[in-house]
Amino acid sequence: MIRLRLPAVEDADRMFPLVYHTEVTDTIQWDGPDSLEEYRQGMVKRVHRVQSGESHSWVIEALNASGNWAPIGMSDIRPYEEQFRADIGLFVGQPYQGQGHGSATIRCLVEYGFAYLGLEKIEASVFVGNQASRRIFEKSGFLLEGTIRRATIKRGRYLDEWLMGITRQDYAVANLWIVHLCRRADWLAALDSGADYCAASLAGEGFIHASRPEQVAAVASAFYRGQTDLVLLWIDPNRLQAEIRWEPGIPPQPGSAPVNEQVFPHVYGPINLDAVLTVTGFAPHADGTFRERPQPIHR
């Protein structure tokens, strides 16, 4: 499980060991900093650009052995000048690679790009031969669009790049996310125990209620109006061990949002914790309603 949060100046000292003379820079365009002071200055500039709205950048965090969030990498989504397209860049430190953190980060960035930035297409460039990076983009719905020969210079050598891409239409049919709304205390209890998450509805109705990201605001307004202790579990359907069935929603109270006119993902079994890629808060407006589509990032 990861968390994407906005960068802070003090992140430079914590993340410097991940990028200084390490193999992580072999697979990205940037060769890393020459010194801690250079990296600190770069982080100050990055924070300023984010705070001024000039860029979209997040620190990638994961839970360490002590149960605390620790920075493991950095991620960006960079709109082009024409604004309807963007590219993604990220790195994950070597000690944290191979654990699904890169794939989870890409899914979060893609959701942000299409749902919040209103993009029509998102791209990524991968050095030819870097099969691991290519695979994590393909798992998130990206397609290989071609090979750009001699696309860049890296340490004095011309390198070819694979161009990966995903369109808004691709994303709409990919079903990369389902979300589950629950009380924060219930989620923390499952996390502390290490056991699979079980909502009360699993015993009472035989399944756990879930939604697509674009559905959950109406669900929350219908059933959780005014509640301020809620979190959203962002779930990868392909990692779930339990069966998912797409079925009509349960009718809400008269006069509520017509969520019963749609089909929803119902999870027929516990939610295994490794299927939850990230968790975010979900707060109502002053009138108790929920109106915005949530985002899998911390702003």
C-alpha atoms as a PDB file:
ATOM      1  CA  MET A   1       0.000   0.000   0.000  1.00  0.00           C
ATOM      2  CA  ILE A   2       1.240   3.466  -0.878  1.00  0.00           C
ATOM      3  CA  ARG A   3       0.353   7.058  -0.161  1.00  0.00           C
ATOM      4  CA  LEU A   4       0.982   9.994  -2.484  1.00  0.00           C
ATOM      5  CA  ARG A   5       1.447  13.310  -0.714  1.00  0.00           C
ATOM      6  CA  LEU A   6       2.750  16.730  -1.680  1.00  0.00           C
ATOM      7  CA  PRO A   7       6.523  17.191  -1.375  1.00  0.00           C
ATOM      8  CA  ALA A   8       8.181  19.128   1.443  1.00  0.00           C
ATOM      9  CA  VAL A   9      11.638  20.698   1.620  1.00  0.00           C
ATOM     10  CA  GLU A  10      12.753  18.249   4.308  1.00  0.00           C
ATOM     11  CA  ASP A  11      12.112  15.312   1.981  1.00  0.00           C
ATOM     12  CA  ALA A  12      15.480  15.975   0.323  1.00  0.00           C
ATOM     13  CA  ASP A  13      17.481  14.615   3.252  1.00  0.00           C
ATOM     14  CA  ARG A  14      15.296  11.525   3.588  1.00  0.00           C
ATOM     15  CA  MET A  15      15.308  10.678  -0.116  1.00  0.00           C
ATOM     16  CA  PHE A  16      18.899  11.522  -0.998  1.00  0.00           C
ATOM     17  CA  PRO A  17      20.177   7.965  -0.297  1.00  0.00           C
ATOM     18  CA  LEU A  18      17.650   6.613  -2.820  1.00  0.00           C
ATOM     19  CA  VAL A  19      19.048   8.629  -5.750  1.00  0.00           C
ATOM     20  CA  TYR A  20      22.705   9.366  -4.991  1.00  0.00           C
ATOM     21  CA  HIS A  21      24.950   7.018  -6.990  1.00  0.00           C
ATOM     22  CA  THR A  22      22.329   4.255  -7.080  1.00  0.00           C
ATOM     23  CA  GLU A  23      21.140   2.044  -9.921  1.00  0.00           C
ATOM     24  CA  VAL A  24      17.686   3.618  -9.774  1.00  0.00           C
ATOM     25  CA  THR A  25      18.950   6.407 -12.066  1.00  0.00           C
ATOM     26  CA  ASP A  26      20.057   3.883 -14.716  1.00  0.00           C
ATOM     27  CA  THR A  27      16.466   3.535 -15.927  1.00  0.00           C
ATOM     28  CA  ILE A  28      15.342   7.189 -15.900  1.00  0.00           C
ATOM     29  CA  GLN A  29      16.475  10.255 -17.838  1.00  0.00           C
ATOM     30  CA  TRP A  30      17.827  12.013 -14.738  1.00  0.00           C
ATOM     31  CA  ASP A  31      21.276  10.943 -13.559  1.00  0.00           C
ATOM     32  CA  GLY A  32      20.663  11.956  -9.962  1.00  0.00           C
ATOM     33  CA  PRO A  33      22.220  14.750  -7.870  1.00  0.00           C
ATOM     34  CA  ASP A  34      25.928  15.342  -7.475  1.00  0.00           C
ATOM     35  CA  SER A  35      25.554  16.345  -3.838  1.00  0.00           C
ATOM     36  CA  LEU A  36      23.054  16.613  -1.008  1.00  0.00           C
ATOM     37  CA  GLU A  37      23.096  20.411  -1.292  1.00  0.00           C
ATOM     38  CA  GLU A  38      22.188  20.219  -4.981  1.00  0.00           C
ATOM     39  CA  TYR A  39      19.304  17.873  -4.163  1.00  0.00           C
ATOM     40  CA  ARG A  40      18.096  20.177  -1.384  1.00  0.00           C
ATOM     41  CA  GLN A  41      18.037  23.117  -3.780  1.00  0.00           C
ATOM     42  CA  GLY A  42      16.173  21.063  -6.347  1.00  0.00           C
ATOM     43  CA  MET A  43      13.585  20.063  -3.755  1.00  0.00           C
ATOM     44  CA  VAL A  44      13.038  23.697  -2.756  1.00  0.00           C
ATOM     45  CA  LYS A  45      12.306  24.530  -6.404  1.00  0.00           C
ATOM     46  CA  ARG A  46       9.991  21.530  -6.764  1.00  0.00           C
ATOM     47  CA  VAL A  47       8.001  22.494  -3.668  1.00  0.00           C
ATOM     48  CA  HIS A  48       7.669  26.063  -4.941  1.00  0.00           C
ATOM     49  CA  ARG A  49       6.386  24.895  -8.345  1.00  0.00           C
ATOM     50  CA  VAL A  50       3.823  22.632  -6.696  1.00  0.00           C
ATOM     51  CA  GLN A  51       2.630  25.333  -4.296  1.00  0.00           C
ATOM     52  CA  SER A  52       2.284  27.843  -7.148  1.00  0.00           C
ATOM     53  CA  GLY A  53       0.303  25.349  -9.254  1.00  0.00           C
ATOM     54  CA  GLU A  54       3.011  25.114 -11.930  1.00  0.00           C
ATOM     55  CA  SER A  55       3.527  21.361 -11.527  1.00  0.00           C
ATOM     56  CA  HIS A  56       1.872  18.210 -10.205  1.00  0.00           C
ATOM     57  CA  SER A  57       4.315  16.236  -8.088  1.00  0.00           C
ATOM     58  CA  TRP A  58       4.013  13.834  -5.168  1.00  0.00           C
ATOM     59  CA  VAL A  59       6.253  11.944  -2.808  1.00  0.00           C
ATOM     60  CA  ILE A  60       5.538   8.214  -2.846  1.00  0.00           C
ATOM     61  CA  GLU A  61       5.319   6.787   0.672  1.00  0.00           C
ATOM     62  CA  ALA A  62       4.938   3.245   1.977  1.00  0.00           C
ATOM     63  CA  LEU A  63       4.503   1.793   5.451  1.00  0.00           C
ATOM     64  CA  ASN A  64       7.782   0.716   7.001  1.00  0.00           C
ATOM     65  CA  ALA A  65       8.372  -2.107   9.476  1.00  0.00           C
ATOM     66  CA  SER A  66       7.389   0.194  12.361  1.00  0.00           C
ATOM     67  CA  GLY A  67       4.038   0.988  10.776  1.00  0.00           C
ATOM     68  CA  ASN A  68       5.033   4.548   9.871  1.00  0.00           C
ATOM     69  CA  TRP A  69       4.871   6.199   6.454  1.00  0.00           C
ATOM     70  CA  ALA A  70       8.302   6.633   4.875  1.00  0.00           C
ATOM     71  CA  PRO A  71       9.271   8.189   1.501  1.00  0.00           C
ATOM     72  CA  ILE A  72      10.303   5.640  -1.120  1.00  0.00           C
ATOM     73  CA  GLY A  73      10.219   7.643  -4.357  1.00  0.00           C
ATOM     74  CA  MET A  74       8.884  10.580  -6.336  1.00  0.00           C
ATOM     75  CA  SER A  75       6.239  10.927  -9.039  1.00  0.00           C
ATOM     76  CA  ASP A  76       5.043  13.577 -11.496  1.00  0.00           C
ATOM     77  CA  ILE A  77       2.376  14.072 -14.127  1.00  0.00           C
ATOM     78  CA  ARG A  78       3.453  16.737 -16.594  1.00  0.00           C
ATOM     79  CA  PRO A  79       0.895  18.295 -18.963  1.00  0.00           C
ATOM     80  CA  TYR A  80       2.214  19.318 -22.370  1.00  0.00           C
ATOM     81  CA  GLU A  81       1.797  22.848 -23.657  1.00  0.00           C
ATOM     82  CA  GLU A  82      -1.474  21.984 -25.413  1.00  0.00           C
ATOM     83  CA  GLN A  83      -2.856  20.744 -22.043  1.00  0.00           C
ATOM     84  CA  PHE A  84      -4.905  17.771 -23.296  1.00  0.00           C
ATOM     85  CA  ARG A  85      -1.948  15.378 -23.065  1.00  0.00           C
ATOM     86  CA  ALA A  86       0.633  14.720 -20.370  1.00  0.00           C
ATOM     87  CA  ASP A  87       3.423  12.329 -19.519  1.00  0.00           C
ATOM     88  CA  ILE A  88       4.203  10.467 -16.311  1.00  0.00           C
ATOM     89  CA  GLY A  89       7.549  10.213 -14.580  1.00  0.00           C
ATOM     90  CA  LEU A  90       8.457   8.380 -11.390  1.00  0.00           C
ATOM     91  CA  PHE A  91      11.140   6.494  -9.553  1.00  0.00           C
ATOM     92  CA  VAL A  92      11.002   4.041  -6.670  1.00  0.00           C
ATOM     93  CA  GLY A  93      14.099   3.437  -4.558  1.00  0.00           C
ATOM     94  CA  GLN A  94      15.847   0.089  -5.008  1.00  0.00           C
ATOM     95  CA  PRO A  95      14.958  -1.341  -1.573  1.00  0.00           C
ATOM     96  CA  TYR A  96      11.259  -0.881  -2.395  1.00  0.00           C
ATOM     97  CA  GLN A  97      11.155  -2.155  -5.958  1.00  0.00           C
ATOM     98  CA  GLY A  98       9.307  -5.340  -6.936  1.00  0.00           C
ATOM     99  CA  GLN A  99       6.552  -4.781  -4.359  1.00  0.00           C
ATOM    100  CA  GLY A 100       3.890  -3.234  -6.601  1.00  0.00           C
ATOM    101  CA  HIS A 101       4.534   0.354  -5.481  1.00  0.00           C
ATOM    102  CA  GLY A 102       5.321   1.600  -8.980  1.00  0.00           C
ATOM    103  CA  SER A 103       2.187   0.073 -10.473  1.00  0.00           C
ATOM    104  CA  ALA A 104       0.020   1.527  -7.682  1.00  0.00           C
ATOM    105  CA  THR A 105       1.563   4.967  -8.208  1.00  0.00           C
ATOM    106  CA  ILE A 106       0.863   4.909 -11.939  1.00  0.00           C
ATOM    107  CA  ARG A 107      -2.786   4.039 -11.349  1.00  0.00           C
ATOM    108  CA  CYS A 108      -3.141   6.956  -8.938  1.00  0.00           C
ATOM    109  CA  LEU A 109      -1.534   9.380 -11.377  1.00  0.00           C
ATOM    110  CA  VAL A 110      -3.695   8.194 -14.262  1.00  0.00           C
ATOM    111  CA  GLU A 111      -6.887   8.617 -12.224  1.00  0.00           C
ATOM    112  CA  TYR A 112      -5.758  12.121 -11.259  1.00  0.00           C
ATOM    113  CA  GLY A 113      -4.887  12.989 -14.830  1.00  0.00           C
ATOM    114  CA  PHE A 114      -8.171  11.958 -16.369  1.00  0.00           C
ATOM    115  CA  ALA A 115     -10.575  12.807 -13.536  1.00  0.00           C
ATOM    116  CA  TYR A 116      -9.002  15.998 -12.156  1.00  0.00           C
ATOM    117  CA  LEU A 117      -6.872  17.473 -14.946  1.00  0.00           C
ATOM    118  CA  GLY A 118      -9.341  16.504 -17.673  1.00  0.00           C
ATOM    119  CA  LEU A 119      -6.693  15.006 -19.933  1.00  0.00           C
ATOM    120  CA  GLU A 120      -7.495  13.058 -23.075  1.00  0.00           C
ATOM    121  CA  LYS A 121      -4.281  11.056 -23.182  1.00  0.00           C
ATOM    122  CA  ILE A 122      -1.385  10.181 -20.872  1.00  0.00           C
ATOM    123  CA  GLU A 123       1.980   8.952 -22.108  1.00  0.00           C
ATOM    124  CA  ALA A 124       5.173   7.511 -20.676  1.00  0.00           C
ATOM    125  CA  SER A 125       8.617   6.919 -22.154  1.00  0.00           C
ATOM    126  CA  VAL A 126      10.566   3.800 -21.196  1.00  0.00           C
ATOM    127  CA  PHE A 127      14.099   2.932 -22.276  1.00  0.00           C
ATOM    128  CA  VAL A 128      13.992   0.053 -24.760  1.00  0.00           C
ATOM    129  CA  GLY A 129      14.908  -3.148 -22.924  1.00  0.00           C
ATOM    130  CA  ASN A 130      13.519  -2.045 -19.551  1.00  0.00           C
ATOM    131  CA  GLN A 131      10.911  -4.784 -19.455  1.00  0.00           C
ATOM    132  CA  ALA A 132      10.056  -4.284 -15.771  1.00  0.00           C
ATOM    133  CA  SER A 133       8.985  -0.671 -16.285  1.00  0.00           C
ATOM    134  CA  ARG A 134       7.125  -1.540 -19.471  1.00  0.00           C
ATOM    135  CA  ARG A 135       5.153  -4.232 -17.624  1.00  0.00           C
ATOM    136  CA  ILE A 136       3.988  -1.943 -14.827  1.00  0.00           C
ATOM    137  CA  PHE A 137       2.610   0.526 -17.349  1.00  0.00           C
ATOM    138  CA  GLU A 138       0.875  -2.262 -19.268  1.00  0.00           C
ATOM    139  CA  LYS A 139      -0.719  -3.484 -16.020  1.00  0.00           C
ATOM    140  CA  SER A 140      -2.223  -0.006 -15.676  1.00  0.00           C
ATOM    141  CA  GLY A 141      -3.827  -0.048 -19.117  1.00  0.00           C
ATOM    142  CA  PHE A 142      -1.047   1.540 -21.207  1.00  0.00           C
ATOM    143  CA  LEU A 143      -0.395   0.252 -24.706  1.00  0.00           C
ATOM    144  CA  LEU A 144       2.893   0.192 -26.572  1.00  0.00           C
ATOM    145  CA  GLU A 145       2.475   2.758 -29.340  1.00  0.00           C
ATOM    146  CA  GLY A 146       5.896   2.478 -30.933  1.00  0.00           C
ATOM    147  CA  THR A 147       9.638   2.796 -30.602  1.00  0.00           C
ATOM    148  CA  ILE A 148      11.254   6.215 -30.844  1.00  0.00           C
ATOM    149  CA  ARG A 149      14.758   5.624 -32.150  1.00  0.00           C
ATOM    150  CA  ARG A 150      17.606   7.683 -30.687  1.00  0.00           C
ATOM    151  CA  ALA A 151      15.061   9.465 -28.536  1.00  0.00           C
ATOM    152  CA  THR A 152      17.445  10.697 -25.850  1.00  0.00           C
ATOM    153  CA  ILE A 153      21.050  10.873 -24.715  1.00  0.00           C
ATOM    154  CA  LYS A 154      21.954   9.129 -21.471  1.00  0.00           C
ATOM    155  CA  ARG A 155      25.527   9.375 -20.179  1.00  0.00           C
ATOM    156  CA  GLY A 156      26.870  10.122 -23.646  1.00  0.00           C
ATOM    157  CA  ARG A 157      24.928   7.362 -25.444  1.00  0.00           C
ATOM    158  CA  TYR A 158      21.911   7.645 -27.722  1.00  0.00           C
ATOM    159  CA  LEU A 159      19.049   5.481 -26.451  1.00  0.00           C
ATOM    160  CA  ASP A 160      15.814   4.306 -28.022  1.00  0.00           C
ATOM    161  CA  GLU A 161      12.575   4.644 -26.065  1.00  0.00           C
ATOM    162  CA  TRP A 162       9.283   2.797 -26.035  1.00  0.00           C
ATOM    163  CA  LEU A 163       6.338   5.173 -26.167  1.00  0.00           C
ATOM    164  CA  MET A 164       3.505   3.952 -23.931  1.00  0.00           C
ATOM    165  CA  GLY A 165       0.064   5.555 -23.954  1.00  0.00           C
ATOM    166  CA  ILE A 166      -3.438   5.371 -22.515  1.00  0.00           C
ATOM    167  CA  THR A 167      -6.436   7.412 -23.716  1.00  0.00           C
ATOM    168  CA  ARG A 168      -9.494   8.531 -21.802  1.00  0.00           C
ATOM    169  CA  GLN A 169     -11.518   5.910 -23.694  1.00  0.00           C
ATOM    170  CA  ASP A 170      -9.010   3.185 -22.791  1.00  0.00           C
ATOM    171  CA  TYR A 171      -9.251   4.153 -19.139  1.00  0.00           C
ATOM    172  CA  ALA A 172     -13.054   4.224 -19.100  1.00  0.00           C
ATOM    173  CA  VAL A 173     -13.283   0.543 -20.060  1.00  0.00           C
ATOM    174  CA  ALA A 174     -10.270  -0.709 -18.112  1.00  0.00           C
ATOM    175  CA  ASN A 175     -11.986  -0.787 -14.664  1.00  0.00           C
ATOM    176  CA  LEU A 176      -8.649  -0.235 -12.926  1.00  0.00           C
ATOM    177  CA  TRP A 177     -10.253   0.822  -9.633  1.00  0.00           C
ATOM    178  CA  ILE A 178     -13.133  -0.009  -7.367  1.00  0.00           C
ATOM    179  CA  VAL A 179     -13.540   1.855  -4.085  1.00  0.00           C
ATOM    180  CA  HIS A 180     -15.068   0.902  -0.749  1.00  0.00           C
ATOM    181  CA  LEU A 181     -16.325   3.490   1.740  1.00  0.00           C
ATOM    182  CA  CYS A 182     -15.984   2.676   5.430  1.00  0.00           C
ATOM    183  CA  ARG A 183     -15.357   4.132   8.867  1.00  0.00           C
ATOM    184  CA  ARG A 184     -11.719   4.990   9.539  1.00  0.00           C
ATOM    185  CA  ALA A 185     -11.740   2.968  12.757  1.00  0.00           C
ATOM    186  CA  ASP A 186     -12.908  -0.178  10.943  1.00  0.00           C
ATOM    187  CA  TRP A 187     -10.120   0.089   8.399  1.00  0.00           C
ATOM    188  CA  LEU A 188      -7.464   0.763  11.030  1.00  0.00           C
ATOM    189  CA  ALA A 189      -8.641  -2.249  13.019  1.00  0.00           C
ATOM    190  CA  ALA A 190      -8.143  -4.497   9.990  1.00  0.00           C
ATOM    191  CA  LEU A 191      -4.758  -2.940   9.250  1.00  0.00           C
ATOM    192  CA  ASP A 192      -3.586  -3.394  12.846  1.00  0.00           C
ATOM    193  CA  SER A 193      -4.700  -7.011  12.956  1.00  0.00           C
ATOM    194  CA  GLY A 194      -3.224  -7.900   9.579  1.00  0.00           C
ATOM    195  CA  ALA A 195      -6.400  -9.833   8.778  1.00  0.00           C
ATOM    196  CA  ASP A 196      -8.524  -9.420   5.672  1.00  0.00           C
ATOM    197  CA  TYR A 197     -11.017  -6.563   5.860  1.00  0.00           C
ATOM    198  CA  CYS A 198     -14.624  -7.647   6.493  1.00  0.00           C
ATOM    199  CA  ALA A 199     -17.487  -5.148   6.439  1.00  0.00           C
ATOM    200  CA  ALA A 200     -20.648  -5.858   8.433  1.00  0.00           C
ATOM    201  CA  SER A 201     -22.573  -6.340   5.190  1.00  0.00           C
ATOM    202  CA  LEU A 202     -20.535  -9.446   4.405  1.00  0.00           C
ATOM    203  CA  ALA A 203     -22.261 -11.329   7.233  1.00  0.00           C
ATOM    204  CA  GLY A 204     -25.632  -9.656   6.773  1.00  0.00           C
ATOM    205  CA  GLU A 205     -25.946  -9.566   2.977  1.00  0.00           C
ATOM    206  CA  GLY A 206     -23.246 -11.927   1.787  1.00  0.00           C
ATOM    207  CA  PHE A 207     -21.059  -9.282   0.112  1.00  0.00           C
ATOM    208  CA  ILE A 208     -19.167  -6.025   0.664  1.00  0.00           C
ATOM    209  CA  HIS A 209     -20.516  -2.946  -1.084  1.00  0.00           C
ATOM    210  CA  ALA A 210     -18.170  -1.097  -3.449  1.00  0.00           C
ATOM    211  CA  SER A 211     -18.408   1.494  -6.206  1.00  0.00           C
ATOM    212  CA  ARG A 212     -16.571   2.944  -9.138  1.00  0.00           C
ATOM    213  CA  PRO A 213     -14.836   6.251  -8.275  1.00  0.00           C
ATOM    214  CA  GLU A 214     -17.434   8.266 -10.191  1.00  0.00           C
ATOM    215  CA  GLN A 215     -20.299   6.607  -8.250  1.00  0.00           C
ATOM    216  CA  VAL A 216     -19.139   6.962  -4.681  1.00  0.00           C
ATOM    217  CA  ALA A 217     -20.184  10.581  -4.021  1.00  0.00           C
ATOM    218  CA  ALA A 218     -23.839   9.740  -4.709  1.00  0.00           C
ATOM    219  CA  VAL A 219     -23.559   6.615  -2.542  1.00  0.00           C
ATOM    220  CA  ALA A 220     -22.030   8.596   0.332  1.00  0.00           C
ATOM    221  CA  SER A 221     -24.740  11.278   0.118  1.00  0.00           C
ATOM    222  CA  ALA A 222     -27.447   8.635   0.136  1.00  0.00           C
ATOM    223  CA  PHE A 223     -26.155   6.470   2.982  1.00  0.00           C
ATOM    224  CA  TYR A 224     -23.461   8.405   4.895  1.00  0.00           C
ATOM    225  CA  ARG A 225     -24.725  11.986   4.852  1.00  0.00           C
ATOM    226  CA  GLY A 226     -22.884  14.179   7.349  1.00  0.00           C
ATOM    227  CA  GLN A 227     -20.438  11.518   8.511  1.00  0.00           C
ATOM    228  CA  THR A 228     -16.920  12.852   8.914  1.00  0.00           C
ATOM    229  CA  ASP A 229     -14.981   9.732   9.924  1.00  0.00           C
ATOM    230  CA  LEU A 230     -14.931   8.031   6.512  1.00  0.00           C
ATOM    231  CA  VAL A 231     -12.102   6.719   4.356  1.00  0.00           C
ATOM    232  CA  LEU A 232     -12.003   5.300   0.863  1.00  0.00           C
ATOM    233  CA  LEU A 233     -10.194   2.061   0.118  1.00  0.00           C
ATOM    234  CA  TRP A 234      -8.844   2.205  -3.441  1.00  0.00           C
ATOM    235  CA  ILE A 235      -8.843  -1.410  -4.589  1.00  0.00           C
ATOM    236  CA  ASP A 236      -7.219  -3.143  -7.555  1.00  0.00           C
ATOM    237  CA  PRO A 237      -9.913  -5.585  -8.787  1.00  0.00           C
ATOM    238  CA  ASN A 238      -7.261  -7.871 -10.276  1.00  0.00           C
ATOM    239  CA  ARG A 239      -5.649  -8.400  -6.868  1.00  0.00           C
ATOM    240  CA  LEU A 240      -8.862  -9.268  -5.071  1.00  0.00           C
ATOM    241  CA  GLN A 241      -9.113 -12.903  -4.063  1.00  0.00           C
ATOM    242  CA  ALA A 242     -12.894 -12.716  -3.623  1.00  0.00           C
ATOM    243  CA  GLU A 243     -15.346 -12.727  -6.526  1.00  0.00           C
ATOM    244  CA  ILE A 244     -16.731  -9.416  -7.830  1.00  0.00           C
ATOM    245  CA  ARG A 245     -20.262  -9.308  -9.228  1.00  0.00           C
ATOM    246  CA  TRP A 246     -21.693  -6.214 -10.917  1.00  0.00           C
ATOM    247  CA  GLU A 247     -25.256  -5.927  -9.611  1.00  0.00           C
ATOM    248  CA  PRO A 248     -27.978  -3.283  -9.060  1.00  0.00           C
ATOM    249  CA  GLY A 249     -27.541  -1.066  -6.018  1.00  0.00           C
ATOM    250  CA  ILE A 250     -29.743  -1.198  -2.953  1.00  0.00           C
ATOM    251  CA  PRO A 251     -32.426   1.551  -3.116  1.00  0.00           C
ATOM    252  CA  PRO A 252     -31.679   4.425  -0.724  1.00  0.00           C
ATOM    253  CA  GLN A 253     -34.215   6.311   1.318  1.00  0.00           C
ATOM    254  CA  PRO A 254     -36.953   8.137  -0.617  1.00  0.00           C
ATOM    255  CA  GLY A 255     -35.686  11.363  -2.112  1.00  0.00           C
ATOM    256  CA  SER A 256     -32.030  10.327  -2.053  1.00  0.00           C
ATOM    257  CA  ALA A 257     -29.746  10.039  -5.075  1.00  0.00           C
ATOM    258  CA  PRO A 258     -30.942   7.291  -7.461  1.00  0.00           C
ATOM    259  CA  VAL A 259     -28.009   4.963  -6.936  1.00  0.00           C
ATOM    260  CA  ASN A 260     -30.351   1.981  -7.381  1.00  0.00           C
ATOM    261  CA  GLU A 261     -30.542   2.757 -11.105  1.00  0.00           C
ATOM    262  CA  GLN A 262     -26.904   1.722 -11.599  1.00  0.00           C
ATOM    263  CA  VAL A 263     -24.894  -1.468 -11.232  1.00  0.00           C
ATOM    264  CA  PHE A 264     -22.190  -1.656  -8.598  1.00  0.00           C
ATOM    265  CA  PRO A 265     -19.271  -3.989  -7.823  1.00  0.00           C
ATOM    266  CA  HIS A 266     -20.201  -6.300  -4.941  1.00  0.00           C
ATOM    267  CA  VAL A 267     -17.312  -8.196  -3.357  1.00  0.00           C
ATOM    268  CA  TYR A 268     -18.381 -11.689  -2.299  1.00  0.00           C
ATOM    269  CA  GLY A 269     -15.788 -12.281   0.375  1.00  0.00           C
ATOM    270  CA  PRO A 270     -13.245 -10.445   2.534  1.00  0.00           C
ATOM    271  CA  ILE A 271     -10.978  -7.831   0.985  1.00  0.00           C
ATOM    272  CA  ASN A 272      -7.381  -9.035   1.175  1.00  0.00           C
ATOM    273  CA  LEU A 273      -5.177  -6.172   2.345  1.00  0.00           C
ATOM    274  CA  ASP A 274      -2.720  -6.372  -0.548  1.00  0.00           C
ATOM    275  CA  ALA A 275      -5.567  -5.526  -2.955  1.00  0.00           C
ATOM    276  CA  VAL A 276      -5.898  -2.092  -1.294  1.00  0.00           C
ATOM    277  CA  LEU A 277      -3.383   0.109  -3.107  1.00  0.00           C
ATOM    278  CA  THR A 278      -4.032   3.355  -1.228  1.00  0.00           C
ATOM    279  CA  VAL A 279      -6.462   4.896   1.274  1.00  0.00           C
ATOM    280  CA  THR A 280      -7.731   8.481   1.346  1.00  0.00           C
ATOM    281  CA  GLY A 281     -10.077  10.497   3.507  1.00  0.00           C
ATOM    282  CA  PHE A 282     -13.537  11.445   2.220  1.00  0.00           C
ATOM    283  CA  ALA A 283     -15.208  14.410   3.907  1.00  0.00           C
ATOM    284  CA  PRO A 284     -18.662  15.945   3.313  1.00  0.00           C
ATOM    285  CA  HIS A 285     -19.528  19.552   2.561  1.00  0.00           C
ATOM    286  CA  ALA A 286     -21.028  21.768   5.249  1.00  0.00           C
ATOM    287  CA  ASP A 287     -24.538  20.575   4.328  1.00  0.00           C
ATOM    288  CA  GLY A 288     -23.489  16.947   4.848  1.00  0.00           C
ATOM    289  CA  THR A 289     -23.479  15.976   1.175  1.00  0.00           C
ATOM    290  CA  PHE A 290     -20.663  14.551  -0.920  1.00  0.00           C
ATOM    291  CA  ARG A 291     -20.347  16.032  -4.394  1.00  0.00           C
ATOM    292  CA  GLU A 292     -16.835  15.726  -5.837  1.00  0.00           C
ATOM    293  CA  ARG A 293     -15.283  12.682  -7.387  1.00  0.00           C
ATOM    294  CA  PRO A 294     -12.526  11.643  -4.955  1.00  0.00           C
ATOM    295  CA  GLN A 295      -8.862  11.408  -5.889  1.00  0.00           C
ATOM    296  CA  PRO A 296      -6.360   8.733  -4.738  1.00  0.00           C
ATOM    297  CA  ILE A 297      -3.846  11.326  -3.585  1.00  0.00           C
ATOM    298  CA  HIS A 298      -3.314  13.511  -0.508  1.00  0.00           C
ATOM    299  CA  ARG A 299      -3.429  17.231  -1.295  1.00  0.00           C
END
